[in-house]
Amino acid sequence: MVSKMEVIALYKNLLREASKFPAYNFRMYGFRRIRDGFRMNKDISDKKVIEEKYAEGLEALEMLKRQVILSSLYKAKNLVIENK
């Protein structure tokens, strides 16, 4: 059974990992997708569905970690809207 604290920790880990993208567009896209995904599924009450969604979230976290590594290998110049 997945606890509420585990789901919150997954959410925070996903956001933290998305913030590591060097490219602004990828970073903002990641934030939007994570927030929208959690908002869309906030009303799920079936334990089995929650566990399935949690497992999908863990897989997404691992994929996101790999994408951040790949993205850091091919850095681009910062956009004008980025503060650095």
PDB file of N, CA and C in Angstrom:
ATOM      1  N   MET A   1       0.841  -1.183   0.000  1.00  0.00           N
ATOM      2  CA  MET A   1       0.000   0.000   0.000  1.00  0.00           C
ATOM      3  C   MET A   1       0.884   1.244   0.000  1.00  0.00           C
ATOM      4  N   VAL A   2       0.529   2.193  -0.806  1.00  0.00           N
ATOM      5  CA  VAL A   2       1.288   3.426  -0.957  1.00  0.00           C
ATOM      6  C   VAL A   2       0.683   4.489  -0.039  1.00  0.00           C
ATOM      7  N   SER A   3       1.533   5.093   0.780  1.00  0.00           N
ATOM      8  CA  SER A   3       1.036   6.121   1.690  1.00  0.00           C
ATOM      9  C   SER A   3       1.033   7.484   1.012  1.00  0.00           C
ATOM     10  N   LYS A   4       0.332   8.408   1.627  1.00  0.00           N
ATOM     11  CA  LYS A   4       0.258   9.764   1.109  1.00  0.00           C
ATOM     12  C   LYS A   4       1.643  10.420   1.123  1.00  0.00           C
ATOM     13  N   MET A   5       2.437  10.114   2.137  1.00  0.00           N
ATOM     14  CA  MET A   5       3.779  10.675   2.245  1.00  0.00           C
ATOM     15  C   MET A   5       4.677  10.188   1.113  1.00  0.00           C
ATOM     16  N   GLU A   6       4.510   8.938   0.700  1.00  0.00           N
ATOM     17  CA  GLU A   6       5.298   8.404  -0.413  1.00  0.00           C
ATOM     18  C   GLU A   6       4.927   9.098  -1.725  1.00  0.00           C
ATOM     19  N   VAL A   7       3.650   9.373  -1.904  1.00  0.00           N
ATOM     20  CA  VAL A   7       3.195  10.065  -3.115  1.00  0.00           C
ATOM     21  C   VAL A   7       3.743  11.486  -3.132  1.00  0.00           C
ATOM     22  N   ILE A   8       3.709  12.166  -1.999  1.00  0.00           N
ATOM     23  CA  ILE A   8       4.243  13.526  -1.918  1.00  0.00           C
ATOM     24  C   ILE A   8       5.748  13.525  -2.171  1.00  0.00           C
ATOM     25  N   ALA A   9       6.440  12.530  -1.625  1.00  0.00           N
ATOM     26  CA  ALA A   9       7.887  12.422  -1.844  1.00  0.00           C
ATOM     27  C   ALA A   9       8.192  12.184  -3.325  1.00  0.00           C
ATOM     28  N   LEU A  10       7.385  11.370  -3.985  1.00  0.00           N
ATOM     29  CA  LEU A  10       7.568  11.134  -5.420  1.00  0.00           C
ATOM     30  C   LEU A  10       7.361  12.428  -6.198  1.00  0.00           C
ATOM     31  N   TYR A  11       6.332  13.175  -5.845  1.00  0.00           N
ATOM     32  CA  TYR A  11       6.055  14.462  -6.499  1.00  0.00           C
ATOM     33  C   TYR A  11       7.250  15.409  -6.354  1.00  0.00           C
ATOM     34  N   LYS A  12       7.759  15.523  -5.149  1.00  0.00           N
ATOM     35  CA  LYS A  12       8.898  16.407  -4.901  1.00  0.00           C
ATOM     36  C   LYS A  12      10.147  15.928  -5.636  1.00  0.00           C
ATOM     37  N   ASN A  13      10.364  14.622  -5.667  1.00  0.00           N
ATOM     38  CA  ASN A  13      11.528  14.081  -6.376  1.00  0.00           C
ATOM     39  C   ASN A  13      11.426  14.341  -7.875  1.00  0.00           C
ATOM     40  N   LEU A  14      10.231  14.204  -8.426  1.00  0.00           N
ATOM     41  CA  LEU A  14      10.046  14.486  -9.845  1.00  0.00           C
ATOM     42  C   LEU A  14      10.320  15.959 -10.150  1.00  0.00           C
ATOM     43  N   LEU A  15       9.791  16.859  -9.328  1.00  0.00           N
ATOM     44  CA  LEU A  15      10.032  18.283  -9.536  1.00  0.00           C
ATOM     45  C   LEU A  15      11.508  18.631  -9.375  1.00  0.00           C
ATOM     46  N   ARG A  16      12.141  18.034  -8.377  1.00  0.00           N
ATOM     47  CA  ARG A  16      13.561  18.286  -8.140  1.00  0.00           C
ATOM     48  C   ARG A  16      14.398  17.827  -9.326  1.00  0.00           C
ATOM     49  N   GLU A  17      14.062  16.675  -9.860  1.00  0.00           N
ATOM     50  CA  GLU A  17      14.816  16.152 -11.003  1.00  0.00           C
ATOM     51  C   GLU A  17      14.567  16.994 -12.246  1.00  0.00           C
ATOM     52  N   ALA A  18      13.340  17.438 -12.448  1.00  0.00           N
ATOM     53  CA  ALA A  18      13.033  18.276 -13.611  1.00  0.00           C
ATOM     54  C   ALA A  18      13.759  19.614 -13.530  1.00  0.00           C
ATOM     55  N   SER A  19      13.999  20.092 -12.324  1.00  0.00           N
ATOM     56  CA  SER A  19      14.693  21.370 -12.171  1.00  0.00           C
ATOM     57  C   SER A  19      16.159  21.290 -12.574  1.00  0.00           C
ATOM     58  N   LYS A  20      16.682  20.096 -12.754  1.00  0.00           N
ATOM     59  CA  LYS A  20      18.082  19.908 -13.141  1.00  0.00           C
ATOM     60  C   LYS A  20      18.313  20.028 -14.641  1.00  0.00           C
ATOM     61  N   PHE A  21      17.241  20.124 -15.426  1.00  0.00           N
ATOM     62  CA  PHE A  21      17.416  20.286 -16.872  1.00  0.00           C
ATOM     63  C   PHE A  21      18.126  21.606 -17.146  1.00  0.00           C
ATOM     64  N   PRO A  22      19.186  21.575 -17.930  1.00  0.00           N
ATOM     65  CA  PRO A  22      19.866  22.838 -18.244  1.00  0.00           C
ATOM     66  C   PRO A  22      19.058  23.709 -19.212  1.00  0.00           C
ATOM     67  N   ALA A  23      18.233  23.115 -20.033  1.00  0.00           N
ATOM     68  CA  ALA A  23      17.448  23.857 -21.019  1.00  0.00           C
ATOM     69  C   ALA A  23      16.129  24.323 -20.388  1.00  0.00           C
ATOM     70  N   TYR A  24      15.878  25.613 -20.506  1.00  0.00           N
ATOM     71  CA  TYR A  24      14.680  26.223 -19.917  1.00  0.00           C
ATOM     72  C   TYR A  24      13.402  25.558 -20.410  1.00  0.00           C
ATOM     73  N   ASN A  25      13.291  25.332 -21.705  1.00  0.00           N
ATOM     74  CA  ASN A  25      12.058  24.771 -22.269  1.00  0.00           C
ATOM     75  C   ASN A  25      11.776  23.372 -21.734  1.00  0.00           C
ATOM     76  N   PHE A  26      12.791  22.536 -21.638  1.00  0.00           N
ATOM     77  CA  PHE A  26      12.606  21.190 -21.094  1.00  0.00           C
ATOM     78  C   PHE A  26      12.231  21.255 -19.620  1.00  0.00           C
ATOM     79  N   ARG A  27      12.871  22.161 -18.893  1.00  0.00           N
ATOM     80  CA  ARG A  27      12.608  22.309 -17.464  1.00  0.00           C
ATOM     81  C   ARG A  27      11.157  22.717 -17.232  1.00  0.00           C
ATOM     82  N   MET A  28      10.685  23.730 -17.942  1.00  0.00           N
ATOM     83  CA  MET A  28       9.312  24.202 -17.761  1.00  0.00           C
ATOM     84  C   MET A  28       8.291  23.159 -18.226  1.00  0.00           C
ATOM     85  N   TYR A  29       8.612  22.456 -19.305  1.00  0.00           N
ATOM     86  CA  TYR A  29       7.727  21.396 -19.783  1.00  0.00           C
ATOM     87  C   TYR A  29       7.603  20.298 -18.729  1.00  0.00           C
ATOM     88  N   GLY A  30       8.727  19.940 -18.130  1.00  0.00           N
ATOM     89  CA  GLY A  30       8.705  18.925 -17.078  1.00  0.00           C
ATOM     90  C   GLY A  30       7.852  19.356 -15.902  1.00  0.00           C
ATOM     91  N   PHE A  31       8.025  20.597 -15.459  1.00  0.00           N
ATOM     92  CA  PHE A  31       7.208  21.106 -14.346  1.00  0.00           C
ATOM     93  C   PHE A  31       5.727  21.025 -14.671  1.00  0.00           C
ATOM     94  N   ARG A  32       5.355  21.487 -15.870  1.00  0.00           N
ATOM     95  CA  ARG A  32       3.932  21.471 -16.262  1.00  0.00           C
ATOM     96  C   ARG A  32       3.381  20.056 -16.298  1.00  0.00           C
ATOM     97  N   ARG A  33       4.116  19.135 -16.926  1.00  0.00           N
ATOM     98  CA  ARG A  33       3.623  17.754 -17.042  1.00  0.00           C
ATOM     99  C   ARG A  33       3.461  17.102 -15.676  1.00  0.00           C
ATOM    100  N   ILE A  34       4.407  17.326 -14.778  1.00  0.00           N
ATOM    101  CA  ILE A  34       4.333  16.728 -13.440  1.00  0.00           C
ATOM    102  C   ILE A  34       3.139  17.296 -12.683  1.00  0.00           C
ATOM    103  N   ARG A  35       3.017  18.610 -12.658  1.00  0.00           N
ATOM    104  CA  ARG A  35       1.898  19.233 -11.935  1.00  0.00           C
ATOM    105  C   ARG A  35       0.557  18.819 -12.516  1.00  0.00           C
ATOM    106  N   ASP A  36       0.437  18.852 -13.832  1.00  0.00           N
ATOM    107  CA  ASP A  36      -0.825  18.475 -14.461  1.00  0.00           C
ATOM    108  C   ASP A  36      -1.171  17.015 -14.208  1.00  0.00           C
ATOM    109  N   GLY A  37      -0.176  16.149 -14.257  1.00  0.00           N
ATOM    110  CA  GLY A  37      -0.417  14.726 -14.013  1.00  0.00           C
ATOM    111  C   GLY A  37      -0.919  14.461 -12.602  1.00  0.00           C
ATOM    112  N   PHE A  38      -0.314  15.125 -11.625  1.00  0.00           N
ATOM    113  CA  PHE A  38      -0.752  14.923 -10.250  1.00  0.00           C
ATOM    114  C   PHE A  38      -2.122  15.552 -10.010  1.00  0.00           C
ATOM    115  N   ARG A  39      -2.382  16.702 -10.608  1.00  0.00           N
ATOM    116  CA  ARG A  39      -3.703  17.329 -10.455  1.00  0.00           C
ATOM    117  C   ARG A  39      -4.795  16.478 -11.089  1.00  0.00           C
ATOM    118  N   MET A  40      -4.485  15.884 -12.228  1.00  0.00           N
ATOM    119  CA  MET A  40      -5.464  15.078 -12.932  1.00  0.00           C
ATOM    120  C   MET A  40      -5.836  13.826 -12.129  1.00  0.00           C
ATOM    121  N   ASN A  41      -4.894  13.307 -11.359  1.00  0.00           N
ATOM    122  CA  ASN A  41      -5.122  12.057 -10.631  1.00  0.00           C
ATOM    123  C   ASN A  41      -5.367  12.261  -9.141  1.00  0.00           C
ATOM    124  N   LYS A  42      -5.614  13.484  -8.704  1.00  0.00           N
ATOM    125  CA  LYS A  42      -5.749  13.746  -7.267  1.00  0.00           C
ATOM    126  C   LYS A  42      -7.000  13.134  -6.650  1.00  0.00           C
ATOM    127  N   ASP A  43      -8.013  12.852  -7.439  1.00  0.00           N
ATOM    128  CA  ASP A  43      -9.273  12.347  -6.896  1.00  0.00           C
ATOM    129  C   ASP A  43      -9.390  10.824  -6.936  1.00  0.00           C
ATOM    130  N   ILE A  44      -8.327  10.143  -7.299  1.00  0.00           N
ATOM    131  CA  ILE A  44      -8.360   8.677  -7.343  1.00  0.00           C
ATOM    132  C   ILE A  44      -8.376   8.143  -5.920  1.00  0.00           C
ATOM    133  N   SER A  45      -9.293   7.219  -5.649  1.00  0.00           N
ATOM    134  CA  SER A  45      -9.399   6.659  -4.301  1.00  0.00           C
ATOM    135  C   SER A  45      -9.192   5.146  -4.278  1.00  0.00           C
ATOM    136  N   ASP A  46      -9.208   4.503  -5.432  1.00  0.00           N
ATOM    137  CA  ASP A  46      -9.013   3.059  -5.503  1.00  0.00           C
ATOM    138  C   ASP A  46      -7.544   2.727  -5.233  1.00  0.00           C
ATOM    139  N   LYS A  47      -7.296   1.898  -4.239  1.00  0.00           N
ATOM    140  CA  LYS A  47      -5.926   1.565  -3.810  1.00  0.00           C
ATOM    141  C   LYS A  47      -5.108   0.940  -4.933  1.00  0.00           C
ATOM    142  N   LYS A  48      -5.734   0.083  -5.713  1.00  0.00           N
ATOM    143  CA  LYS A  48      -5.020  -0.595  -6.797  1.00  0.00           C
ATOM    144  C   LYS A  48      -4.573   0.399  -7.867  1.00  0.00           C
ATOM    145  N   VAL A  49      -5.458   1.318  -8.199  1.00  0.00           N
ATOM    146  CA  VAL A  49      -5.133   2.327  -9.217  1.00  0.00           C
ATOM    147  C   VAL A  49      -4.032   3.255  -8.690  1.00  0.00           C
ATOM    148  N   ILE A  50      -4.107   3.602  -7.402  1.00  0.00           N
ATOM    149  CA  ILE A  50      -3.072   4.451  -6.802  1.00  0.00           C
ATOM    150  C   ILE A  50      -1.710   3.762  -6.886  1.00  0.00           C
ATOM    151  N   GLU A  51      -1.671   2.473  -6.586  1.00  0.00           N
ATOM    152  CA  GLU A  51      -0.406   1.737  -6.653  1.00  0.00           C
ATOM    153  C   GLU A  51       0.120   1.671  -8.083  1.00  0.00           C
ATOM    154  N   GLU A  52      -0.777   1.509  -9.053  1.00  0.00           N
ATOM    155  CA  GLU A  52      -0.350   1.488 -10.458  1.00  0.00           C
ATOM    156  C   GLU A  52       0.212   2.841 -10.879  1.00  0.00           C
ATOM    157  N   LYS A  53      -0.474   3.903 -10.491  1.00  0.00           N
ATOM    158  CA  LYS A  53      -0.008   5.250 -10.830  1.00  0.00           C
ATOM    159  C   LYS A  53       1.315   5.562 -10.142  1.00  0.00           C
ATOM    160  N   TYR A  54       1.474   5.085  -8.913  1.00  0.00           N
ATOM    161  CA  TYR A  54       2.727   5.292  -8.181  1.00  0.00           C
ATOM    162  C   TYR A  54       3.879   4.572  -8.886  1.00  0.00           C
ATOM    163  N   ALA A  55       3.622   3.350  -9.337  1.00  0.00           N
ATOM    164  CA  ALA A  55       4.645   2.604 -10.078  1.00  0.00           C
ATOM    165  C   ALA A  55       5.008   3.325 -11.379  1.00  0.00           C
ATOM    166  N   GLU A  56       4.006   3.868 -12.066  1.00  0.00           N
ATOM    167  CA  GLU A  56       4.268   4.652 -13.283  1.00  0.00           C
ATOM    168  C   GLU A  56       5.106   5.883 -12.957  1.00  0.00           C
ATOM    169  N   GLY A  57       4.829   6.503 -11.825  1.00  0.00           N
ATOM    170  CA  GLY A  57       5.588   7.675 -11.405  1.00  0.00           C
ATOM    171  C   GLY A  57       7.038   7.344 -11.121  1.00  0.00           C
ATOM    172  N   LEU A  58       7.284   6.181 -10.507  1.00  0.00           N
ATOM    173  CA  LEU A  58       8.667   5.753 -10.244  1.00  0.00           C
ATOM    174  C   LEU A  58       9.414   5.500 -11.550  1.00  0.00           C
ATOM    175  N   GLU A  59       8.733   4.895 -12.510  1.00  0.00           N
ATOM    176  CA  GLU A  59       9.348   4.677 -13.825  1.00  0.00           C
ATOM    177  C   GLU A  59       9.637   6.014 -14.509  1.00  0.00           C
ATOM    178  N   ALA A  60       8.713   6.961 -14.373  1.00  0.00           N
ATOM    179  CA  ALA A  60       8.910   8.283 -14.970  1.00  0.00           C
ATOM    180  C   ALA A  60      10.096   8.995 -14.316  1.00  0.00           C
ATOM    181  N   LEU A  61      10.269   8.798 -13.019  1.00  0.00           N
ATOM    182  CA  LEU A  61      11.398   9.408 -12.317  1.00  0.00           C
ATOM    183  C   LEU A  61      12.719   8.861 -12.845  1.00  0.00           C
ATOM    184  N   GLU A  62      12.790   7.563 -13.033  1.00  0.00           N
ATOM    185  CA  GLU A  62      14.014   6.964 -13.573  1.00  0.00           C
ATOM    186  C   GLU A  62      14.283   7.459 -14.996  1.00  0.00           C
ATOM    187  N   MET A  63      13.244   7.562 -15.798  1.00  0.00           N
ATOM    188  CA  MET A  63      13.393   8.061 -17.159  1.00  0.00           C
ATOM    189  C   MET A  63      13.852   9.513 -17.141  1.00  0.00           C
ATOM    190  N   LEU A  64      13.296  10.301 -16.241  1.00  0.00           N
ATOM    191  CA  LEU A  64      13.655  11.703 -16.120  1.00  0.00           C
ATOM    192  C   LEU A  64      15.122  11.863 -15.729  1.00  0.00           C
ATOM    193  N   LYS A  65      15.599  11.008 -14.842  1.00  0.00           N
ATOM    194  CA  LYS A  65      17.009  11.046 -14.452  1.00  0.00           C
ATOM    195  C   LYS A  65      17.908  10.790 -15.660  1.00  0.00           C
ATOM    196  N   ARG A  66      17.532   9.823 -16.479  1.00  0.00           N
ATOM    197  CA  ARG A  66      18.332   9.534 -17.681  1.00  0.00           C
ATOM    198  C   ARG A  66      18.290  10.710 -18.656  1.00  0.00           C
ATOM    199  N   GLN A  67      17.120  11.320 -18.815  1.00  0.00           N
ATOM    200  CA  GLN A  67      16.985  12.438 -19.742  1.00  0.00           C
ATOM    201  C   GLN A  67      17.801  13.646 -19.283  1.00  0.00           C
ATOM    202  N   VAL A  68      17.862  13.880 -17.987  1.00  0.00           N
ATOM    203  CA  VAL A  68      18.654  14.997 -17.468  1.00  0.00           C
ATOM    204  C   VAL A  68      20.128  14.779 -17.779  1.00  0.00           C
ATOM    205  N   ILE A  69      20.587  13.564 -17.617  1.00  0.00           N
ATOM    206  CA  ILE A  69      21.994  13.255 -17.921  1.00  0.00           C
ATOM    207  C   ILE A  69      22.272  13.486 -19.399  1.00  0.00           C
ATOM    208  N   LEU A  70      21.394  12.984 -20.254  1.00  0.00           N
ATOM    209  CA  LEU A  70      21.593  13.187 -21.690  1.00  0.00           C
ATOM    210  C   LEU A  70      21.527  14.660 -22.067  1.00  0.00           C
ATOM    211  N   SER A  71      20.607  15.371 -21.468  1.00  0.00           N
ATOM    212  CA  SER A  71      20.451  16.783 -21.780  1.00  0.00           C
ATOM    213  C   SER A  71      21.671  17.587 -21.340  1.00  0.00           C
ATOM    214  N   SER A  72      22.292  17.179 -20.250  1.00  0.00           N
ATOM    215  CA  SER A  72      23.469  17.909 -19.776  1.00  0.00           C
ATOM    216  C   SER A  72      24.682  17.676 -20.678  1.00  0.00           C
ATOM    217  N   LEU A  73      24.660  16.618 -21.466  1.00  0.00           N
ATOM    218  CA  LEU A  73      25.762  16.354 -22.393  1.00  0.00           C
ATOM    219  C   LEU A  73      25.737  17.301 -23.584  1.00  0.00           C
ATOM    220  N   TYR A  74      24.558  17.777 -23.943  1.00  0.00           N
ATOM    221  CA  TYR A  74      24.388  18.640 -25.116  1.00  0.00           C
ATOM    222  C   TYR A  74      23.785  19.973 -24.703  1.00  0.00           C
ATOM    223  N   LYS A  75      24.555  20.765 -23.985  1.00  0.00           N
ATOM    224  CA  LYS A  75      24.065  22.048 -23.495  1.00  0.00           C
ATOM    225  C   LYS A  75      23.978  23.064 -24.628  1.00  0.00           C
ATOM    226  N   ALA A  76      22.987  23.922 -24.510  1.00  0.00           N
ATOM    227  CA  ALA A  76      22.813  25.025 -25.457  1.00  0.00           C
ATOM    228  C   ALA A  76      22.988  26.337 -24.695  1.00  0.00           C
ATOM    229  N   LYS A  77      23.062  27.423 -25.423  1.00  0.00           N
ATOM    230  CA  LYS A  77      23.160  28.728 -24.776  1.00  0.00           C
ATOM    231  C   LYS A  77      21.862  29.029 -24.033  1.00  0.00           C
ATOM    232  N   ASN A  78      21.984  29.831 -22.975  1.00  0.00           N
ATOM    233  CA  ASN A  78      20.801  30.224 -22.220  1.00  0.00           C
ATOM    234  C   ASN A  78      19.911  31.142 -23.046  1.00  0.00           C
ATOM    235  N   LEU A  79      18.616  31.048 -22.807  1.00  0.00           N
ATOM    236  CA  LEU A  79      17.660  31.913 -23.475  1.00  0.00           C
ATOM    237  C   LEU A  79      17.667  33.294 -22.819  1.00  0.00           C
ATOM    238  N   VAL A  80      17.116  34.245 -23.497  1.00  0.00           N
ATOM    239  CA  VAL A  80      17.069  35.612 -22.978  1.00  0.00           C
ATOM    240  C   VAL A  80      16.241  35.688 -21.709  1.00  0.00           C
ATOM    241  N   ILE A  81      15.205  34.881 -21.573  1.00  0.00           N
ATOM    242  CA  ILE A  81      14.312  34.953 -20.432  1.00  0.00           C
ATOM    243  C   ILE A  81      14.888  34.305 -19.171  1.00  0.00           C
ATOM    244  N   GLU A  82      15.999  33.614 -19.296  1.00  0.00           N
ATOM    245  CA  GLU A  82      16.615  32.982 -18.147  1.00  0.00           C
ATOM    246  C   GLU A  82      17.471  33.993 -17.389  1.00  0.00           C
ATOM    247  N   ASN A  83      17.375  33.947 -16.076  1.00  0.00           N
ATOM    248  CA  ASN A  83      18.174  34.849 -15.232  1.00  0.00           C
ATOM    249  C   ASN A  83      19.459  34.152 -14.821  1.00  0.00           C
ATOM    250  N   LYS A  84      20.575  34.609 -15.347  1.00  0.00           N
ATOM    251  CA  LYS A  84      21.859  34.037 -14.933  1.00  0.00           C
ATOM    252  C   LYS A  84      22.922  35.059 -14.995  1.00  0.00           C
TER     253      LYS A  84
END
